[in-house]
């Protein structure tokens, strides 16, 4: 009986000792979803889109930086502009939040003049993944008609962006 207790205690001690190392490896692969510059999304819509992307990456098995960690960063005295990110800012935010990758980009709406005054819109989304390891951005473009309400549009766009970017995030 004592032998089993000692064995269990030893296994527990090894697990506790190894836990910080496992966390460090996991943090290097975390995904930080930042904002998207846009000519038609306001701050609330951008936040909704970020949260949809976070959910999509989490559902695909990625470790993500939780929304609350990002929001606490935005509540500081000098919040970063997460909708206008270059490589330097992406690297700083990844380092601060313990992420190996940052996702950001821009979404624009393009007016398509229709016959008889039936105009419509198309969107062009340039999504980018910043890799801390390589210190570079990989980009992909998603475009198509703007259909449905805003929530449907953002949810569909988040799904497409997550599919296109997930191969660039695997270590």
Protein backbone atom coordinates (compact mmCIF):
# COMPACT_ATOMS: atom_id res chain seq x y z
CA UNK A 1 0.00 0.00 0.00
CA UNK A 2 2.76 2.46 0.95
CA UNK A 3 4.57 1.55 -2.24
CA UNK A 4 1.53 2.51 -4.37
CA UNK A 5 1.14 5.78 -2.51
CA UNK A 6 4.81 6.62 -3.07
CA UNK A 7 4.54 5.65 -6.74
CA UNK A 8 1.44 7.81 -7.17
CA UNK A 9 3.16 10.71 -5.40
CA UNK A 10 6.24 10.35 -7.63
CA UNK A 11 4.11 10.29 -10.80
CA UNK A 12 2.19 13.34 -9.59
CA UNK A 13 5.44 15.20 -8.80
CA UNK A 14 6.81 14.44 -12.28
CA UNK A 15 3.59 15.62 -13.88
CA UNK A 16 3.65 18.87 -11.90
CA UNK A 17 7.32 19.43 -12.78
CA UNK A 18 6.66 18.85 -16.50
CA UNK A 19 3.52 21.00 -16.62
CA UNK A 20 5.27 24.37 -17.21
CA UNK A 21 7.27 22.86 -20.08
CA UNK A 22 4.14 21.50 -21.75
CA UNK A 23 2.50 24.89 -21.33
CA UNK A 24 5.44 26.65 -22.97
CA UNK A 25 5.23 24.37 -26.02
CA UNK A 26 1.49 24.88 -26.22
CA UNK A 27 1.81 28.68 -25.90
CA UNK A 28 4.19 28.78 -28.85
CA UNK A 29 1.41 27.33 -30.99
CA UNK A 30 -1.39 29.56 -29.69
CA UNK A 31 -3.28 31.64 -32.22
CA UNK A 32 -3.93 35.31 -31.54
CA UNK A 33 -6.81 36.75 -33.57
CA UNK A 34 -6.43 40.50 -34.05
CA UNK A 35 -8.65 42.97 -35.88
CA UNK A 36 -9.44 43.55 -39.52
CA UNK A 37 -9.27 46.98 -41.13
CA UNK A 38 -12.48 47.68 -42.98
CA UNK A 39 -14.31 50.39 -44.83
CA UNK A 40 -17.68 49.10 -43.60
CA UNK A 41 -17.24 47.20 -40.30
CA UNK A 42 -17.49 49.16 -37.07
CA UNK A 43 -15.64 48.18 -33.88
CA UNK A 44 -18.46 45.97 -32.60
CA UNK A 45 -18.77 44.08 -35.89
CA UNK A 46 -15.00 43.65 -35.99
CA UNK A 47 -15.08 42.24 -32.45
CA UNK A 48 -17.87 39.83 -33.44
CA UNK A 49 -15.82 38.71 -36.43
CA UNK A 50 -12.73 38.20 -34.24
CA UNK A 51 -14.77 36.12 -31.80
CA UNK A 52 -16.20 34.03 -34.65
CA UNK A 53 -12.68 33.39 -35.94
CA UNK A 54 -11.46 32.47 -32.46
CA UNK A 55 -14.33 29.99 -32.15
CA UNK A 56 -13.59 28.48 -35.58
CA UNK A 57 -9.91 27.96 -34.78
CA UNK A 58 -10.77 26.49 -31.38
CA UNK A 59 -13.27 24.09 -33.01
CA UNK A 60 -10.49 23.03 -35.41
CA UNK A 61 -8.29 22.01 -32.48
CA UNK A 62 -6.02 25.04 -32.21
CA UNK A 63 -5.01 26.62 -28.92
CA UNK A 64 -6.22 30.21 -29.09
CA UNK A 65 -5.62 33.32 -27.04
CA UNK A 66 -8.92 33.77 -25.16
CA UNK A 67 -11.05 36.82 -25.83
CA UNK A 68 -10.64 38.02 -22.24
CA UNK A 69 -6.84 38.16 -22.58
CA UNK A 70 -7.19 40.27 -25.71
CA UNK A 71 -9.80 42.50 -24.07
CA UNK A 72 -7.61 43.04 -20.99
CA UNK A 73 -4.86 44.23 -23.33
CA UNK A 74 -7.31 46.70 -24.89
CA UNK A 75 -8.26 48.08 -21.46
CA UNK A 76 -4.76 49.36 -20.75
CA UNK A 77 -3.72 53.00 -20.64
CA UNK A 78 -2.28 52.79 -24.18
CA UNK A 79 -4.24 50.12 -26.05
CA UNK A 80 -2.71 48.89 -29.30
CA UNK A 81 -4.51 49.45 -32.58
CA UNK A 82 -5.31 45.82 -33.35
CA UNK A 83 -7.07 46.71 -36.61
CA UNK A 84 -3.96 48.20 -38.19
CA UNK A 85 -1.15 45.70 -37.60
CA UNK A 86 2.28 45.43 -39.16
CA UNK A 87 4.95 42.79 -38.47
CA UNK A 88 6.47 44.72 -35.57
CA UNK A 89 3.14 45.13 -33.78
CA UNK A 90 2.17 41.51 -34.47
CA UNK A 91 5.47 40.29 -33.00
CA UNK A 92 5.07 42.48 -29.90
CA UNK A 93 1.50 41.29 -29.29
CA UNK A 94 2.41 37.63 -29.85
CA UNK A 95 5.27 37.96 -27.38
CA UNK A 96 3.09 39.72 -24.80
CA UNK A 97 0.23 37.21 -25.07
CA UNK A 98 2.33 34.08 -25.58
CA UNK A 99 1.21 33.25 -29.10
CA UNK A 100 3.08 31.71 -31.99
CA UNK A 101 0.75 33.11 -34.63
CA UNK A 102 -1.33 36.26 -35.13
CA UNK A 103 -4.19 36.63 -37.58
CA UNK A 104 -5.24 40.00 -38.96
CA UNK A 105 -6.14 41.58 -42.27
CA UNK A 106 -8.55 43.84 -44.05
CA UNK A 107 -12.07 43.53 -45.42
CA UNK A 108 -13.36 45.88 -48.08
CA UNK A 109 -16.71 46.21 -49.79
CA UNK A 110 -16.89 46.86 -53.51
CA UNK A 111 -19.98 48.32 -55.16
CA UNK A 112 -21.10 46.46 -58.28
CA UNK A 113 -23.30 48.65 -60.49
CA UNK A 114 -26.26 46.65 -61.72
CA UNK A 115 -28.61 47.17 -64.60
CA UNK A 116 -31.71 49.19 -63.83
CA UNK A 117 -30.31 50.54 -60.58
CA UNK A 118 -30.03 47.12 -58.89
CA UNK A 119 -26.61 47.65 -57.35
CA UNK A 120 -25.00 44.98 -55.20
CA UNK A 121 -21.86 44.57 -53.16
CA UNK A 122 -18.99 42.16 -53.19
CA UNK A 123 -16.37 41.87 -50.51
CA UNK A 124 -12.65 41.24 -50.64
CA UNK A 125 -11.00 39.93 -47.47
CA UNK A 126 -7.22 39.76 -47.28
CA UNK A 127 -6.38 37.64 -44.26
CA UNK A 128 -2.84 37.28 -42.99
CA UNK A 129 -1.08 34.95 -40.57
CA UNK A 130 2.00 36.27 -38.81
CA UNK A 131 4.43 33.55 -37.69
CA UNK A 132 6.61 34.38 -34.69
CA UNK A 133 9.09 31.68 -35.67
CA UNK A 134 9.59 33.03 -39.20
CA UNK A 135 8.76 36.70 -38.45
CA UNK A 136 6.75 36.89 -41.68
CA UNK A 137 3.16 37.15 -42.89
CA UNK A 138 1.45 34.59 -45.10
CA UNK A 139 -1.60 35.95 -46.89
CA UNK A 140 -4.73 34.64 -48.54
CA UNK A 141 -7.62 36.42 -50.24
CA UNK A 142 -11.29 35.51 -49.97
CA UNK A 143 -13.88 37.30 -52.06
CA UNK A 144 -17.47 36.92 -53.08
CA UNK A 145 -20.93 38.41 -52.99
CA UNK A 146 -22.16 40.10 -49.84
CA UNK A 147 -25.28 38.06 -49.09
CA UNK A 148 -27.56 37.65 -46.10
CA UNK A 149 -27.50 39.72 -42.96
CA UNK A 150 -24.30 40.91 -41.31
CA UNK A 151 -24.13 38.02 -38.81
CA UNK A 152 -24.51 35.41 -41.57
CA UNK A 153 -21.94 37.19 -43.69
CA UNK A 154 -19.37 37.41 -40.88
CA UNK A 155 -19.94 33.81 -39.78
CA UNK A 156 -19.52 32.51 -43.34
CA UNK A 157 -16.43 34.64 -43.85
CA UNK A 158 -14.92 33.43 -40.55
CA UNK A 159 -15.47 29.82 -41.62
CA UNK A 160 -13.80 30.39 -44.99
CA UNK A 161 -10.85 32.32 -43.52
CA UNK A 162 -10.26 29.61 -40.89
CA UNK A 163 -10.24 26.89 -43.56
CA UNK A 164 -7.82 28.80 -45.75
CA UNK A 165 -5.42 29.74 -42.95
CA UNK A 166 -5.28 26.56 -40.89
CA UNK A 167 -2.63 24.93 -43.09
CA UNK A 168 -0.38 27.96 -42.50
CA UNK A 169 -0.66 27.62 -38.72
CA UNK A 170 0.25 23.98 -38.21
CA UNK A 171 3.76 23.87 -36.74
